[in-house]
C-alpha atoms as a PDB file:
ATOM      1  CA  MET A   1       0.000   0.000   0.000  1.00  0.00           C
ATOM      2  CA  THR A   2       1.316   3.410  -0.929  1.00  0.00           C
ATOM      3  CA  ILE A   3       1.340   6.394   1.456  1.00  0.00           C
ATOM      4  CA  LEU A   4      -1.359   8.040  -0.695  1.00  0.00           C
ATOM      5  CA  GLN A   5      -3.585   4.951  -0.479  1.00  0.00           C
ATOM      6  CA  SER A   6      -3.222   4.820   3.291  1.00  0.00           C
ATOM      7  CA  LEU A   7      -4.618   8.363   3.531  1.00  0.00           C
ATOM      8  CA  VAL A   8      -7.831   7.484   1.673  1.00  0.00           C
ATOM      9  CA  PRO A   9     -10.693   6.825   4.142  1.00  0.00           C
ATOM     10  CA  LEU A  10     -12.105   3.319   4.138  1.00  0.00           C
ATOM     11  CA  VAL A  11     -15.618   4.700   4.628  1.00  0.00           C
ATOM     12  CA  ARG A  12     -16.938   8.071   3.417  1.00  0.00           C
ATOM     13  CA  ILE A  13     -20.143   9.140   5.126  1.00  0.00           C
ATOM     14  CA  GLY A  14     -22.314  11.794   3.479  1.00  0.00           C
ATOM     15  CA  THR A  15     -24.830  13.889   5.376  1.00  0.00           C
ATOM     16  CA  ARG A  16     -26.416  17.318   5.568  1.00  0.00           C
ATOM     17  CA  GLY A  17     -24.366  20.053   7.184  1.00  0.00           C
ATOM     18  CA  SER A  18     -26.739  20.975  10.025  1.00  0.00           C
ATOM     19  CA  PRO A  19     -25.511  20.437  13.600  1.00  0.00           C
ATOM     20  CA  LEU A  20     -28.050  17.627  14.139  1.00  0.00           C
ATOM     21  CA  ALA A  21     -27.190  15.873  10.877  1.00  0.00           C
ATOM     22  CA  MET A  22     -23.456  16.086  11.609  1.00  0.00           C
ATOM     23  CA  MET A  23     -23.985  14.744  15.115  1.00  0.00           C
ATOM     24  CA  GLN A  24     -25.954  11.798  13.725  1.00  0.00           C
ATOM     25  CA  ALA A  25     -23.267  11.043  11.149  1.00  0.00           C
ATOM     26  CA  ARG A  26     -20.552  11.185  13.806  1.00  0.00           C
ATOM     27  CA  LEU A  27     -22.587   8.751  15.904  1.00  0.00           C
ATOM     28  CA  VAL A  28     -22.668   6.321  12.985  1.00  0.00           C
ATOM     29  CA  ALA A  29     -18.912   6.774  12.518  1.00  0.00           C
ATOM     30  CA  LYS A  30     -18.344   6.038  16.197  1.00  0.00           C
ATOM     31  CA  LEU A  31     -20.457   2.877  16.035  1.00  0.00           C
ATOM     32  CA  LEU A  32     -18.630   1.688  12.914  1.00  0.00           C
ATOM     33  CA  ARG A  33     -15.278   2.183  14.647  1.00  0.00           C
ATOM     34  CA  GLN A  34     -16.493   0.221  17.657  1.00  0.00           C
ATOM     35  CA  HIS A  35     -17.911  -2.660  15.636  1.00  0.00           C
ATOM     36  CA  HIS A  36     -15.044  -2.988  13.165  1.00  0.00           C
ATOM     37  CA  GLY A  37     -12.032  -1.696  15.096  1.00  0.00           C
ATOM     38  CA  LEU A  38     -11.466   1.154  12.641  1.00  0.00           C
ATOM     39  CA  SER A  39      -9.294   4.155  13.385  1.00  0.00           C
ATOM     40  CA  GLU A  40     -10.341   7.808  13.261  1.00  0.00           C
ATOM     41  CA  THR A  41      -8.625   8.282   9.899  1.00  0.00           C
ATOM     42  CA  GLU A  42     -10.421   5.353   8.281  1.00  0.00           C
ATOM     43  CA  ILE A  43     -13.824   7.067   8.397  1.00  0.00           C
ATOM     44  CA  ALA A  44     -14.582  10.509   6.981  1.00  0.00           C
ATOM     45  CA  VAL A  45     -17.790  12.486   7.550  1.00  0.00           C
ATOM     46  CA  LEU A  46     -18.496  14.738   4.566  1.00  0.00           C
ATOM     47  CA  PRO A  47     -21.134  17.501   4.907  1.00  0.00           C
ATOM     48  CA  ILE A  48     -23.095  18.061   1.716  1.00  0.00           C
ATOM     49  CA  SER A  49     -25.147  21.190   1.051  1.00  0.00           C
ATOM     50  CA  THR A  50     -28.677  20.302  -0.054  1.00  0.00           C
ATOM     51  CA  GLY A  51     -31.385  22.307  -1.749  1.00  0.00           C
ATOM     52  CA  GLY A  52     -33.583  21.868   1.306  1.00  0.00           C
ATOM     53  CA  ASP A  53     -30.953  23.484   3.533  1.00  0.00           C
ATOM     54  CA  ARG A  54     -30.247  26.330   1.115  1.00  0.00           C
ATOM     55  CA  SER A  55     -33.959  27.093   0.784  1.00  0.00           C
ATOM     56  CA  GLN A  56     -34.445  27.627   4.512  1.00  0.00           C
ATOM     57  CA  LYS A  57     -33.494  31.291   4.285  1.00  0.00           C
ATOM     58  CA  SER A  58     -36.560  31.894   2.131  1.00  0.00           C
ATOM     59  CA  ASN A  59     -38.774  30.330   4.832  1.00  0.00           C
ATOM     60  CA  ALA A  60     -40.851  28.721   2.062  1.00  0.00           C
ATOM     61  CA  SER A  61     -42.584  25.468   2.957  1.00  0.00           C
ATOM     62  CA  LEU A  62     -41.218  22.256   1.486  1.00  0.00           C
ATOM     63  CA  SER A  63     -44.509  21.608  -0.287  1.00  0.00           C
ATOM     64  CA  GLU A  64     -43.972  24.820  -2.253  1.00  0.00           C
ATOM     65  CA  ILE A  65     -40.434  24.067  -3.406  1.00  0.00           C
ATOM     66  CA  GLY A  66     -40.224  20.348  -4.058  1.00  0.00           C
ATOM     67  CA  GLY A  67     -40.823  18.211  -0.992  1.00  0.00           C
ATOM     68  CA  LYS A  68     -38.639  15.922   1.084  1.00  0.00           C
ATOM     69  CA  GLY A  69     -36.328  14.999  -1.774  1.00  0.00           C
ATOM     70  CA  LEU A  70     -34.695  18.430  -1.473  1.00  0.00           C
ATOM     71  CA  PHE A  71     -32.926  17.203   1.674  1.00  0.00           C
ATOM     72  CA  THR A  72     -31.394  14.183  -0.049  1.00  0.00           C
ATOM     73  CA  LYS A  73     -30.987  14.962  -3.778  1.00  0.00           C
ATOM     74  CA  GLU A  74     -27.357  16.112  -3.628  1.00  0.00           C
ATOM     75  CA  ILE A  75     -26.464  13.376  -1.161  1.00  0.00           C
ATOM     76  CA  ASP A  76     -28.044  10.762  -3.439  1.00  0.00           C
ATOM     77  CA  ALA A  77     -26.076  12.149  -6.386  1.00  0.00           C
ATOM     78  CA  ALA A  78     -22.831  11.955  -4.410  1.00  0.00           C
ATOM     79  CA  MET A  79     -23.591   8.346  -3.527  1.00  0.00           C
ATOM     80  CA  LEU A  80     -24.447   7.306  -7.063  1.00  0.00           C
ATOM     81  CA  GLY A  81     -21.393   9.200  -8.328  1.00  0.00           C
ATOM     82  CA  GLY A  82     -19.078   7.344  -5.970  1.00  0.00           C
ATOM     83  CA  GLN A  83     -18.053  10.367  -3.867  1.00  0.00           C
ATOM     84  CA  ILE A  84     -19.479   8.803  -0.686  1.00  0.00           C
ATOM     85  CA  ASP A  85     -20.081   5.207   0.410  1.00  0.00           C
ATOM     86  CA  ILE A  86     -22.996   5.598   2.808  1.00  0.00           C
ATOM     87  CA  ALA A  87     -25.432   8.369   3.734  1.00  0.00           C
ATOM     88  CA  VAL A  88     -26.891   9.111   7.147  1.00  0.00           C
ATOM     89  CA  HIS A  89     -30.408  10.569   7.245  1.00  0.00           C
ATOM     90  CA  SER A  90     -33.162  11.539   9.635  1.00  0.00           C
ATOM     91  CA  SER A  91     -35.586   8.917   8.337  1.00  0.00           C
ATOM     92  CA  LYS A  92     -38.639  11.186   8.486  1.00  0.00           C
ATOM     93  CA  ASP A  93     -36.958  13.511   5.939  1.00  0.00           C
ATOM     94  CA  VAL A  94     -36.451  10.773   3.330  1.00  0.00           C
ATOM     95  CA  ALA A  95     -38.953  10.473   0.475  1.00  0.00           C
ATOM     96  CA  THR A  96     -40.957   7.261   0.556  1.00  0.00           C
ATOM     97  CA  VAL A  97     -39.699   6.264  -2.909  1.00  0.00           C
ATOM     98  CA  LEU A  98     -35.904   6.128  -2.966  1.00  0.00           C
ATOM     99  CA  PRO A  99     -34.000   7.004  -6.149  1.00  0.00           C
ATOM    100  CA  GLU A 100     -33.133   4.086  -8.393  1.00  0.00           C
ATOM    101  CA  GLY A 101     -29.861   2.541  -7.290  1.00  0.00           C
ATOM    102  CA  ILE A 102     -30.167   3.511  -3.605  1.00  0.00           C
ATOM    103  CA  VAL A 103     -31.398   1.420  -0.663  1.00  0.00           C
ATOM    104  CA  MET A 104     -31.780   2.198   3.038  1.00  0.00           C
ATOM    105  CA  PRO A 105     -31.327  -1.181   4.759  1.00  0.00           C
ATOM    106  CA  VAL A 106     -30.242  -0.078   8.242  1.00  0.00           C
ATOM    107  CA  TYR A 107     -31.869   1.925  11.042  1.00  0.00           C
ATOM    108  CA  LEU A 108     -30.277   2.711  14.383  1.00  0.00           C
ATOM    109  CA  GLU A 109     -32.302   2.137  17.528  1.00  0.00           C
ATOM    110  CA  ARG A 110     -35.064   4.703  17.579  1.00  0.00           C
ATOM    111  CA  GLU A 111     -35.052   7.629  19.978  1.00  0.00           C
ATOM    112  CA  ASP A 112     -38.240   9.000  21.570  1.00  0.00           C
ATOM    113  CA  ALA A 113     -40.472   9.602  18.535  1.00  0.00           C
ATOM    114  CA  ARG A 114     -42.769  12.156  20.153  1.00  0.00           C
ATOM    115  CA  ASP A 115     -42.958  15.913  19.578  1.00  0.00           C
ATOM    116  CA  ALA A 116     -42.183  18.542  22.205  1.00  0.00           C
ATOM    117  CA  PHE A 117     -44.075  21.771  22.861  1.00  0.00           C
ATOM    118  CA  ILE A 118     -41.721  24.704  23.384  1.00  0.00           C
ATOM    119  CA  SER A 119     -42.665  28.153  24.613  1.00  0.00           C
ATOM    120  CA  LEU A 120     -40.948  30.784  26.712  1.00  0.00           C
ATOM    121  CA  ARG A 121     -44.215  31.977  28.289  1.00  0.00           C
ATOM    122  CA  PHE A 122     -46.877  29.275  28.099  1.00  0.00           C
ATOM    123  CA  ARG A 123     -46.914  25.711  29.439  1.00  0.00           C
ATOM    124  CA  THR A 124     -49.314  24.032  27.001  1.00  0.00           C
ATOM    125  CA  VAL A 125     -51.056  24.521  23.662  1.00  0.00           C
ATOM    126  CA  GLN A 126     -54.282  25.080  25.583  1.00  0.00           C
ATOM    127  CA  GLU A 127     -52.720  27.960  27.557  1.00  0.00           C
ATOM    128  CA  LEU A 128     -51.821  29.969  24.449  1.00  0.00           C
ATOM    129  CA  PRO A 129     -53.964  33.120  24.210  1.00  0.00           C
ATOM    130  CA  ARG A 130     -56.495  33.433  21.445  1.00  0.00           C
ATOM    131  CA  GLY A 131     -54.830  34.385  18.156  1.00  0.00           C
ATOM    132  CA  ALA A 132     -51.339  33.498  19.406  1.00  0.00           C
ATOM    133  CA  LYS A 133     -48.677  32.739  16.810  1.00  0.00           C
ATOM    134  CA  PHE A 134     -47.596  29.125  16.490  1.00  0.00           C
ATOM    135  CA  GLY A 135     -44.387  28.631  14.536  1.00  0.00           C
ATOM    136  CA  THR A 136     -44.085  25.601  12.281  1.00  0.00           C
ATOM    137  CA  SER A 137     -43.572  24.787   8.611  1.00  0.00           C
ATOM    138  CA  SER A 138     -44.784  21.206   9.086  1.00  0.00           C
ATOM    139  CA  ILE A 139     -48.314  20.831   7.750  1.00  0.00           C
ATOM    140  CA  ARG A 140     -48.808  17.836  10.068  1.00  0.00           C
ATOM    141  CA  ARG A 141     -47.946  19.873  13.149  1.00  0.00           C
ATOM    142  CA  ALA A 142     -49.995  22.810  11.901  1.00  0.00           C
ATOM    143  CA  ALA A 143     -53.041  20.604  11.296  1.00  0.00           C
ATOM    144  CA  GLN A 144     -52.725  18.948  14.698  1.00  0.00           C
ATOM    145  CA  VAL A 145     -52.463  22.299  16.472  1.00  0.00           C
ATOM    146  CA  LEU A 146     -55.379  23.766  14.518  1.00  0.00           C
ATOM    147  CA  ARG A 147     -57.489  20.708  15.299  1.00  0.00           C
ATOM    148  CA  LEU A 148     -57.323  21.684  18.986  1.00  0.00           C
ATOM    149  CA  ARG A 149     -56.958  25.437  18.587  1.00  0.00           C
ATOM    150  CA  PRO A 150     -58.393  26.721  15.271  1.00  0.00           C
ATOM    151  CA  ASP A 151     -57.974  30.279  16.526  1.00  0.00           C
ATOM    152  CA  LEU A 152     -54.170  30.149  16.461  1.00  0.00           C
ATOM    153  CA  GLU A 153     -52.126  31.783  13.691  1.00  0.00           C
ATOM    154  CA  ILE A 154     -49.617  29.489  11.999  1.00  0.00           C
ATOM    155  CA  VAL A 155     -46.408  31.304  11.030  1.00  0.00           C
ATOM    156  CA  PRO A 156     -43.583  29.851   8.846  1.00  0.00           C
ATOM    157  CA  PHE A 157     -40.750  28.519  10.979  1.00  0.00           C
ATOM    158  CA  ARG A 158     -38.030  26.754   9.001  1.00  0.00           C
ATOM    159  CA  GLY A 159     -34.386  26.275   9.936  1.00  0.00           C
ATOM    160  CA  ASN A 160     -32.276  23.945  12.054  1.00  0.00           C
ATOM    161  CA  VAL A 161     -33.014  23.425  15.746  1.00  0.00           C
ATOM    162  CA  ASP A 162     -30.920  26.376  16.945  1.00  0.00           C
ATOM    163  CA  THR A 163     -32.402  28.675  14.301  1.00  0.00           C
ATOM    164  CA  ARG A 164     -35.949  27.834  15.340  1.00  0.00           C
ATOM    165  CA  LEU A 165     -35.172  28.237  19.031  1.00  0.00           C
ATOM    166  CA  GLN A 166     -33.666  31.646  18.265  1.00  0.00           C
ATOM    167  CA  LYS A 167     -36.756  32.651  16.271  1.00  0.00           C
ATOM    168  CA  LEU A 168     -38.819  31.772  19.323  1.00  0.00           C
ATOM    169  CA  ALA A 169     -36.566  33.929  21.520  1.00  0.00           C
ATOM    170  CA  ASP A 170     -36.889  36.761  18.984  1.00  0.00           C
ATOM    171  CA  GLY A 171     -40.664  36.710  19.274  1.00  0.00           C
ATOM    172  CA  VAL A 172     -41.409  35.459  15.757  1.00  0.00           C
ATOM    173  CA  ALA A 173     -43.866  33.050  17.413  1.00  0.00           C
ATOM    174  CA  ASP A 174     -45.295  32.383  20.857  1.00  0.00           C
ATOM    175  CA  ALA A 175     -44.668  28.643  20.677  1.00  0.00           C
ATOM    176  CA  THR A 176     -43.386  25.893  18.418  1.00  0.00           C
ATOM    177  CA  MET A 177     -42.957  22.125  18.201  1.00  0.00           C
ATOM    178  CA  LEU A 178     -39.748  20.162  17.722  1.00  0.00           C
ATOM    179  CA  ALA A 179     -38.927  16.464  17.758  1.00  0.00           C
ATOM    180  CA  VAL A 180     -37.853  15.174  21.164  1.00  0.00           C
ATOM    181  CA  SER A 181     -35.246  12.976  19.465  1.00  0.00           C
ATOM    182  CA  GLY A 182     -33.386  15.899  17.899  1.00  0.00           C
ATOM    183  CA  LEU A 183     -33.400  17.906  21.107  1.00  0.00           C
ATOM    184  CA  ASN A 184     -32.087  14.913  23.026  1.00  0.00           C
ATOM    185  CA  ARG A 185     -29.290  14.235  20.537  1.00  0.00           C
ATOM    186  CA  LEU A 186     -28.260  17.890  20.699  1.00  0.00           C
ATOM    187  CA  GLU A 187     -28.458  17.864  24.521  1.00  0.00           C
ATOM    188  CA  LYS A 188     -31.200  20.501  24.553  1.00  0.00           C
ATOM    189  CA  MET A 189     -33.859  18.634  26.519  1.00  0.00           C
ATOM    190  CA  ASP A 190     -33.921  21.535  28.973  1.00  0.00           C
ATOM    191  CA  ARG A 191     -35.607  23.639  26.268  1.00  0.00           C
ATOM    192  CA  ILE A 192     -38.712  21.415  26.301  1.00  0.00           C
ATOM    193  CA  THR A 193     -41.786  22.918  27.942  1.00  0.00           C
ATOM    194  CA  ALA A 194     -43.874  19.737  27.642  1.00  0.00           C
ATOM    195  CA  ILE A 195     -43.737  16.438  25.768  1.00  0.00           C
ATOM    196  CA  LEU A 196     -46.905  16.090  23.714  1.00  0.00           C
ATOM    197  CA  ASP A 197     -49.273  13.135  23.946  1.00  0.00           C
ATOM    198  CA  VAL A 198     -49.587  10.928  20.883  1.00  0.00           C
ATOM    199  CA  GLU A 199     -53.387  10.945  21.019  1.00  0.00           C
ATOM    200  CA  ASN A 200     -53.490  14.560  19.832  1.00  0.00           C
ATOM    201  CA  PHE A 201     -49.988  14.921  18.385  1.00  0.00           C
ATOM    202  CA  MET A 202     -49.080  11.703  16.609  1.00  0.00           C
ATOM    203  CA  PRO A 203     -45.474  11.912  15.338  1.00  0.00           C
ATOM    204  CA  ALA A 204     -44.418  11.968  11.711  1.00  0.00           C
ATOM    205  CA  PRO A 205     -43.840   8.550  10.161  1.00  0.00           C
ATOM    206  CA  ALA A 206     -40.265   7.401  10.878  1.00  0.00           C
ATOM    207  CA  GLN A 207     -39.621  10.282  13.303  1.00  0.00           C
ATOM    208  CA  GLY A 208     -36.794   9.652  15.756  1.00  0.00           C
ATOM    209  CA  ALA A 209     -34.967   7.041  13.658  1.00  0.00           C
ATOM    210  CA  ILE A 210     -31.602   7.473  11.947  1.00  0.00           C
ATOM    211  CA  GLY A 211     -31.445   5.666   8.610  1.00  0.00           C
ATOM    212  CA  ILE A 212     -28.319   4.607   6.731  1.00  0.00           C
ATOM    213  CA  ALA A 213     -28.435   4.388   2.930  1.00  0.00           C
ATOM    214  CA  THR A 214     -26.047   2.742   0.475  1.00  0.00           C
ATOM    215  CA  ARG A 215     -25.830   2.005  -3.225  1.00  0.00           C
ATOM    216  CA  HIS A 216     -27.868  -0.982  -4.350  1.00  0.00           C
ATOM    217  CA  GLY A 217     -25.535  -3.929  -4.803  1.00  0.00           C
ATOM    218  CA  ASP A 218     -22.685  -2.426  -2.766  1.00  0.00           C
ATOM    219  CA  ALA A 219     -22.077  -5.551  -0.685  1.00  0.00           C
ATOM    220  CA  LYS A 220     -19.023  -4.081   1.043  1.00  0.00           C
ATOM    221  CA  ALA A 221     -20.904  -1.057   2.383  1.00  0.00           C
ATOM    222  CA  GLN A 222     -23.962  -3.083   3.298  1.00  0.00           C
ATOM    223  CA  ASP A 223     -21.889  -5.642   5.212  1.00  0.00           C
ATOM    224  CA  LEU A 224     -20.142  -2.795   7.014  1.00  0.00           C
ATOM    225  CA  ILE A 225     -23.339  -1.157   8.286  1.00  0.00           C
ATOM    226  CA  ALA A 226     -25.361  -4.349   8.875  1.00  0.00           C
ATOM    227  CA  PRO A 227     -24.294  -4.750  12.543  1.00  0.00           C
ATOM    228  CA  LEU A 228     -25.754  -1.313  13.332  1.00  0.00           C
ATOM    229  CA  ASN A 229     -29.290  -2.312  12.364  1.00  0.00           C
ATOM    230  CA  HIS A 230     -31.839  -2.385  15.210  1.00  0.00           C
ATOM    231  CA  ALA A 231     -34.405  -4.984  14.167  1.00  0.00           C
ATOM    232  CA  PRO A 232     -37.441  -3.637  16.109  1.00  0.00           C
ATOM    233  CA  THR A 233     -36.819  -0.117  14.787  1.00  0.00           C
ATOM    234  CA  HIS A 234     -36.378  -1.489  11.273  1.00  0.00           C
ATOM    235  CA  SER A 235     -39.763  -3.227  11.427  1.00  0.00           C
ATOM    236  CA  ALA A 236     -41.483  -0.115  12.784  1.00  0.00           C
ATOM    237  CA  ILE A 237     -40.021   2.181  10.129  1.00  0.00           C
ATOM    238  CA  ILE A 238     -40.813  -0.234   7.316  1.00  0.00           C
ATOM    239  CA  ALA A 239     -44.457  -0.327   8.478  1.00  0.00           C
ATOM    240  CA  GLU A 240     -44.748   3.451   8.863  1.00  0.00           C
ATOM    241  CA  ARG A 241     -43.092   4.222   5.533  1.00  0.00           C
ATOM    242  CA  ALA A 242     -45.322   1.669   3.784  1.00  0.00           C
ATOM    243  CA  MET A 243     -48.378   3.392   5.242  1.00  0.00           C
ATOM    244  CA  LEU A 244     -47.024   6.793   4.224  1.00  0.00           C
ATOM    245  CA  ALA A 245     -46.345   5.617   0.673  1.00  0.00           C
ATOM    246  CA  VAL A 246     -50.010   4.697   0.246  1.00  0.00           C
ATOM    247  CA  LEU A 247     -51.119   8.039   1.698  1.00  0.00           C
ATOM    248  CA  ASP A 248     -49.024  10.036  -0.816  1.00  0.00           C
ATOM    249  CA  GLY A 249     -45.925  10.655   1.289  1.00  0.00           C
ATOM    250  CA  SER A 250     -45.352  14.219   0.150  1.00  0.00           C
ATOM    251  CA  CYS A 251     -45.009  17.345   2.262  1.00  0.00           C
ATOM    252  CA  ARG A 252     -48.599  18.228   1.346  1.00  0.00           C
ATOM    253  CA  THR A 253     -49.932  15.301   3.370  1.00  0.00           C
ATOM    254  CA  PRO A 254     -50.701  15.709   7.096  1.00  0.00           C
ATOM    255  CA  VAL A 255     -49.956  12.172   8.291  1.00  0.00           C
ATOM    256  CA  GLY A 256     -49.101  10.823  11.733  1.00  0.00           C
ATOM    257  CA  ALA A 257     -47.885   7.371  12.765  1.00  0.00           C
ATOM    258  CA  TRP A 258     -47.150   5.598  16.029  1.00  0.00           C
ATOM    259  CA  SER A 259     -45.715   2.082  16.337  1.00  0.00           C
ATOM    260  CA  GLN A 260     -45.350  -0.169  19.351  1.00  0.00           C
ATOM    261  CA  LEU A 261     -43.627  -3.542  19.278  1.00  0.00           C
ATOM    262  CA  GLU A 262     -43.932  -6.383  21.745  1.00  0.00           C
ATOM    263  CA  ASN A 263     -42.262  -9.736  21.214  1.00  0.00           C
ATOM    264  CA  ASP A 264     -42.878 -10.552  17.538  1.00  0.00           C
ATOM    265  CA  GLN A 265     -45.952  -8.346  17.148  1.00  0.00           C
ATOM    266  CA  ILE A 266     -46.271  -4.779  15.902  1.00  0.00           C
ATOM    267  CA  GLU A 267     -49.172  -2.431  16.561  1.00  0.00           C
ATOM    268  CA  LEU A 268     -49.384   0.483  14.144  1.00  0.00           C
ATOM    269  CA  ARG A 269     -51.613   3.515  14.509  1.00  0.00           C
ATOM    270  CA  GLY A 270     -52.048   6.088  11.774  1.00  0.00           C
ATOM    271  CA  GLU A 271     -53.932   9.298  11.143  1.00  0.00           C
ATOM    272  CA  ILE A 272     -54.608  11.778   8.363  1.00  0.00           C
ATOM    273  CA  LEU A 273     -55.945  15.285   8.798  1.00  0.00           C
ATOM    274  CA  SER A 274     -57.306  18.065   6.674  1.00  0.00           C
ATOM    275  CA  LEU A 275     -54.940  20.992   6.285  1.00  0.00           C
ATOM    276  CA  ASP A 276     -56.992  23.061   8.726  1.00  0.00           C
ATOM    277  CA  GLY A 277     -57.175  20.181  11.205  1.00  0.00           C
ATOM    278  CA  GLN A 278     -60.968  20.108  11.258  1.00  0.00           C
ATOM    279  CA  GLN A 279     -61.255  16.700   9.584  1.00  0.00           C
ATOM    280  CA  HIS A 280     -59.479  13.773  11.137  1.00  0.00           C
ATOM    281  CA  PHE A 281     -59.372  10.044  10.409  1.00  0.00           C
ATOM    282  CA  ALA A 282     -57.503   7.461  12.483  1.00  0.00           C
ATOM    283  CA  ALA A 283     -57.094   3.698  12.403  1.00  0.00           C
ATOM    284  CA  GLN A 284     -54.876   0.999  13.824  1.00  0.00           C
ATOM    285  CA  ALA A 285     -53.764  -2.503  12.942  1.00  0.00           C
ATOM    286  CA  SER A 286     -51.546  -5.172  14.432  1.00  0.00           C
ATOM    287  CA  GLY A 287     -49.739  -8.233  13.163  1.00  0.00           C
ATOM    288  CA  PRO A 288     -46.401 -10.084  13.062  1.00  0.00           C
ATOM    289  CA  VAL A 289     -43.265  -8.002  12.587  1.00  0.00           C
ATOM    290  CA  ASP A 290     -42.245 -10.014   9.534  1.00  0.00           C
ATOM    291  CA  ALA A 291     -45.344  -8.649   7.779  1.00  0.00           C
ATOM    292  CA  ALA A 292     -44.656  -5.018   8.747  1.00  0.00           C
ATOM    293  CA  GLU A 293     -44.659  -3.662   5.197  1.00  0.00           C
ATOM    294  CA  THR A 294     -47.914  -5.390   4.288  1.00  0.00           C
ATOM    295  CA  LEU A 295     -49.487  -4.216   7.541  1.00  0.00           C
ATOM    296  CA  GLY A 296     -48.482  -0.596   6.914  1.00  0.00           C
ATOM    297  CA  ALA A 297     -49.759  -0.570   3.339  1.00  0.00           C
ATOM    298  CA  ALA A 298     -53.075  -2.107   4.403  1.00  0.00           C
ATOM    299  CA  LEU A 299     -53.532   0.500   7.139  1.00  0.00           C
ATOM    300  CA  GLY A 300     -52.845   3.250   4.621  1.00  0.00           C
ATOM    301  CA  GLN A 301     -55.567   1.873   2.369  1.00  0.00           C
ATOM    302  CA  ARG A 302     -58.007   1.749   5.294  1.00  0.00           C
ATOM    303  CA  LEU A 303     -57.344   5.401   6.061  1.00  0.00           C
ATOM    304  CA  LEU A 304     -57.883   6.379   2.436  1.00  0.00           C
ATOM    305  CA  GLN A 305     -61.161   4.482   2.302  1.00  0.00           C
ATOM    306  CA  SER A 306     -62.337   6.097   5.543  1.00  0.00           C
ATOM    307  CA  ALA A 307     -61.465   9.586   4.338  1.00  0.00           C
ATOM    308  CA  GLY A 308     -62.902   9.265   0.836  1.00  0.00           C
ATOM    309  CA  THR A 309     -61.742  10.661  -2.488  1.00  0.00           C
ATOM    310  CA  ALA A 310     -62.989  14.221  -1.891  1.00  0.00           C
ATOM    311  CA  PHE A 311     -60.913  14.500   1.283  1.00  0.00           C
ATOM    312  CA  VAL A 312     -57.776  13.160  -0.401  1.00  0.00           C
ATOM    313  CA  ALA A 313     -58.206  15.501  -3.382  1.00  0.00           C
ATOM    314  CA  GLN A 314     -57.460  18.525  -1.213  1.00  0.00           C
ATOM    315  CA  TRP A 315     -53.817  17.450  -0.955  1.00  0.00           C
ATOM    316  CA  ALA A 316     -53.312  17.730  -4.696  1.00  0.00           C
ATOM    317  CA  SER A 317     -54.746  21.239  -4.719  1.00  0.00           C
ATOM    318  CA  ALA A 318     -52.851  22.458  -1.648  1.00  0.00           C
ATOM    319  CA  PRO A 319     -50.523  25.451  -2.200  1.00  0.00           C
END
């Protein structure tokens, strides 16, 4: 081996450049070193600027500018072009249909999937004064909040965790919602005012789970990451993403999901809401974990049938 060859990392990890994304990628690097006895120099974490990140300054919603794929397009291209070997993603930000040539076979053990209510002045959603400003660019969170409090004003609130917390401090909004998992990974649990119940605030499908993607057919990369897979999390995410795929899976779709696993059984709950939160449909199903994908798809179909074609049509016409 030449000196130049010895300086080339064995594994190149691609990720977004946000503090949370970099922390998640470094966690994967740490786990790979532990499992395979690799040195610091054998794994490189490469931040990649994505269209989703660059668009945050405009504060436009993802549904207006292209959807979830904006957070992975450049990373996918780097993978397919051979610039990186694996990609680390927040699973809820990954489109339900992966680009041709890319697979996501591994999920780390899931963190707390719930959402957190954050406010500097009020303890709960119910305590917010009439007409208060609620900051979020998630149509799911907006619909869930409006379902309970139709009087609130939803204001755009994009950016990484620190950016959104600063917007709250600056008075852009009276309250917001963030994923508990992200706050925990960034050691910002002290910023949580209250953890929200899943009955009224069902999390996004795949929320709280870190996914690892590779090129299809890249046996070396897939063998490398295989030991990191957490089987119960994998089953839960497969079920939730299968449900989401049936329900459209775009950023125009207010969809919630909640999975619980016990022994070899999975219980999946799902919901869809109108954009203003005033229409709501929920269902649940259970079955063996080895049929998680089938279970999720079937639950998605049940929700569509319950809601009806007129309800679903509003998504296509949403701004």
